Amino acid sequence: MVSGNLRATFFDGADIQGSINVPLNAWTYVVFSRVGTTLRSFVNGVQDINTTMTTNLAISGTQYIGSLVDPQSSTGYISGLS
């Protein structure tokens, strides 16, 4: 999170920041969806990010969820990963 907004950083250097303020110390439902080259994020059911992304997200090497790539961990609880 940066300034209370959702932020996604990808291994190719792509850095995407949303505009919806994510409240601290409150349960927040966050979803990322990618269909073709369209990447979307939703915060508590409201669409936040809608952008084109052509990066190949094939998994190779270490993947981080809930941390930066350094890896600097975030505080909080993550559940419902699939």
C-alpha atoms as a PDB file:
ATOM      1  CA  MET A   1       0.000   0.000   0.000  1.00  0.00           C
ATOM      2  CA  VAL A   2       1.145   3.481  -0.805  1.00  0.00           C
ATOM      3  CA  SER A   3      -0.752   6.406   0.691  1.00  0.00           C
ATOM      4  CA  GLY A   4      -3.621   4.038   1.510  1.00  0.00           C
ATOM      5  CA  ASN A   5      -4.159   3.038  -2.136  1.00  0.00           C
ATOM      6  CA  LEU A   6      -3.781  -0.413  -3.670  1.00  0.00           C
ATOM      7  CA  ARG A   7      -0.474  -0.902  -5.486  1.00  0.00           C
ATOM      8  CA  ALA A   8       0.694  -3.776  -7.669  1.00  0.00           C
ATOM      9  CA  THR A   9       4.339  -4.158  -8.662  1.00  0.00           C
ATOM     10  CA  PHE A  10       5.331  -6.846 -11.162  1.00  0.00           C
ATOM     11  CA  PHE A  11       8.702  -8.503 -11.750  1.00  0.00           C
ATOM     12  CA  ASP A  12       9.161  -6.715 -15.094  1.00  0.00           C
ATOM     13  CA  GLY A  13       9.058  -3.340 -13.348  1.00  0.00           C
ATOM     14  CA  ALA A  14       5.411  -2.533 -14.113  1.00  0.00           C
ATOM     15  CA  ASP A  15       4.024  -0.549 -11.197  1.00  0.00           C
ATOM     16  CA  ILE A  16       0.292   0.142 -11.053  1.00  0.00           C
ATOM     17  CA  GLN A  17      -1.429   2.169  -8.363  1.00  0.00           C
ATOM     18  CA  GLY A  18      -5.153   2.429  -7.804  1.00  0.00           C
ATOM     19  CA  SER A  19      -7.155   5.453  -6.740  1.00  0.00           C
ATOM     20  CA  ILE A  20      -9.544   3.969  -4.159  1.00  0.00           C
ATOM     21  CA  ASN A  21      -8.450   4.592  -0.583  1.00  0.00           C
ATOM     22  CA  VAL A  22      -8.062   1.283   1.253  1.00  0.00           C
ATOM     23  CA  PRO A  23      -8.853   1.773   4.956  1.00  0.00           C
ATOM     24  CA  LEU A  24      -6.272   0.715   7.511  1.00  0.00           C
ATOM     25  CA  ASN A  25      -7.247  -1.701  10.283  1.00  0.00           C
ATOM     26  CA  ALA A  26     -10.376  -2.859   8.447  1.00  0.00           C
ATOM     27  CA  TRP A  27     -11.179  -5.997   6.460  1.00  0.00           C
ATOM     28  CA  THR A  28     -10.926  -5.174   2.773  1.00  0.00           C
ATOM     29  CA  TYR A  29     -11.820  -7.481  -0.104  1.00  0.00           C
ATOM     30  CA  VAL A  30      -9.331  -7.096  -2.967  1.00  0.00           C
ATOM     31  CA  VAL A  31      -9.518  -8.938  -6.291  1.00  0.00           C
ATOM     32  CA  PHE A  32      -7.238  -8.858  -9.317  1.00  0.00           C
ATOM     33  CA  SER A  33      -8.558 -10.180 -12.610  1.00  0.00           C
ATOM     34  CA  ARG A  34      -6.768 -10.533 -15.919  1.00  0.00           C
ATOM     35  CA  VAL A  35      -8.532 -11.479 -19.139  1.00  0.00           C
ATOM     36  CA  GLY A  36      -6.318 -11.312 -22.203  1.00  0.00           C
ATOM     37  CA  THR A  37      -4.312  -8.114 -21.765  1.00  0.00           C
ATOM     38  CA  THR A  38      -6.878  -6.342 -19.553  1.00  0.00           C
ATOM     39  CA  LEU A  39      -5.911  -6.160 -15.876  1.00  0.00           C
ATOM     40  CA  ARG A  40      -8.563  -5.033 -13.406  1.00  0.00           C
ATOM     41  CA  SER A  41      -8.649  -4.683  -9.650  1.00  0.00           C
ATOM     42  CA  PHE A  42     -11.642  -4.365  -7.369  1.00  0.00           C
ATOM     43  CA  VAL A  43     -11.717  -3.035  -3.807  1.00  0.00           C
ATOM     44  CA  ASN A  44     -14.776  -4.124  -1.821  1.00  0.00           C
ATOM     45  CA  GLY A  45     -16.583  -4.831  -5.094  1.00  0.00           C
ATOM     46  CA  VAL A  46     -15.818  -1.460  -6.709  1.00  0.00           C
ATOM     47  CA  GLN A  47     -13.580  -1.471  -9.791  1.00  0.00           C
ATOM     48  CA  ASP A  48     -10.399   0.490  -9.178  1.00  0.00           C
ATOM     49  CA  ILE A  49      -7.742  -0.348 -11.778  1.00  0.00           C
ATOM     50  CA  ASN A  50      -8.534  -1.015 -15.434  1.00  0.00           C
ATOM     51  CA  THR A  51      -5.445  -1.090 -17.620  1.00  0.00           C
ATOM     52  CA  THR A  52      -3.756  -2.942 -20.453  1.00  0.00           C
ATOM     53  CA  MET A  53      -0.922  -5.236 -19.441  1.00  0.00           C
ATOM     54  CA  THR A  54       1.045  -7.333 -21.914  1.00  0.00           C
ATOM     55  CA  THR A  55       3.518  -8.778 -19.393  1.00  0.00           C
ATOM     56  CA  ASN A  56       3.767 -12.569 -19.441  1.00  0.00           C
ATOM     57  CA  LEU A  57       2.809 -13.613 -15.915  1.00  0.00           C
ATOM     58  CA  ALA A  58       3.988 -17.211 -16.270  1.00  0.00           C
ATOM     59  CA  ILE A  59       5.259 -18.359 -12.893  1.00  0.00           C
ATOM     60  CA  SER A  60       8.987 -18.920 -12.679  1.00  0.00           C
ATOM     61  CA  GLY A  61      11.100 -18.416  -9.619  1.00  0.00           C
ATOM     62  CA  THR A  62       9.873 -16.951  -6.348  1.00  0.00           C
ATOM     63  CA  GLN A  63       6.467 -15.241  -6.289  1.00  0.00           C
ATOM     64  CA  TYR A  64       5.534 -12.792  -3.531  1.00  0.00           C
ATOM     65  CA  ILE A  65       2.035 -11.899  -2.371  1.00  0.00           C
ATOM     66  CA  GLY A  66       1.698  -9.290   0.315  1.00  0.00           C
ATOM     67  CA  SER A  67       5.252  -8.012   0.029  1.00  0.00           C
ATOM     68  CA  LEU A  68       7.552  -6.016  -2.144  1.00  0.00           C
ATOM     69  CA  VAL A  69      10.150  -7.796  -4.245  1.00  0.00           C
ATOM     70  CA  ASP A  70      13.016  -6.959  -1.840  1.00  0.00           C
ATOM     71  CA  PRO A  71      11.199  -8.882   0.023  1.00  0.00           C
ATOM     72  CA  GLN A  72       9.786  -6.333   2.438  1.00  0.00           C
ATOM     73  CA  SER A  73       6.763  -7.795   4.151  1.00  0.00           C
ATOM     74  CA  SER A  74       3.489  -6.046   4.793  1.00  0.00           C
ATOM     75  CA  THR A  75       1.477  -6.345   7.955  1.00  0.00           C
ATOM     76  CA  GLY A  76      -1.986  -7.807   7.720  1.00  0.00           C
ATOM     77  CA  TYR A  77      -3.789 -11.034   6.939  1.00  0.00           C
ATOM     78  CA  ILE A  78      -4.230 -12.615   3.515  1.00  0.00           C
ATOM     79  CA  SER A  79      -6.823 -15.310   2.901  1.00  0.00           C
ATOM     80  CA  GLY A  80      -8.783 -16.851   0.050  1.00  0.00           C
ATOM     81  CA  LEU A  81      -5.900 -17.164  -2.408  1.00  0.00           C
ATOM     82  CA  SER A  82      -6.619 -19.322  -5.413  1.00  0.00           C
END
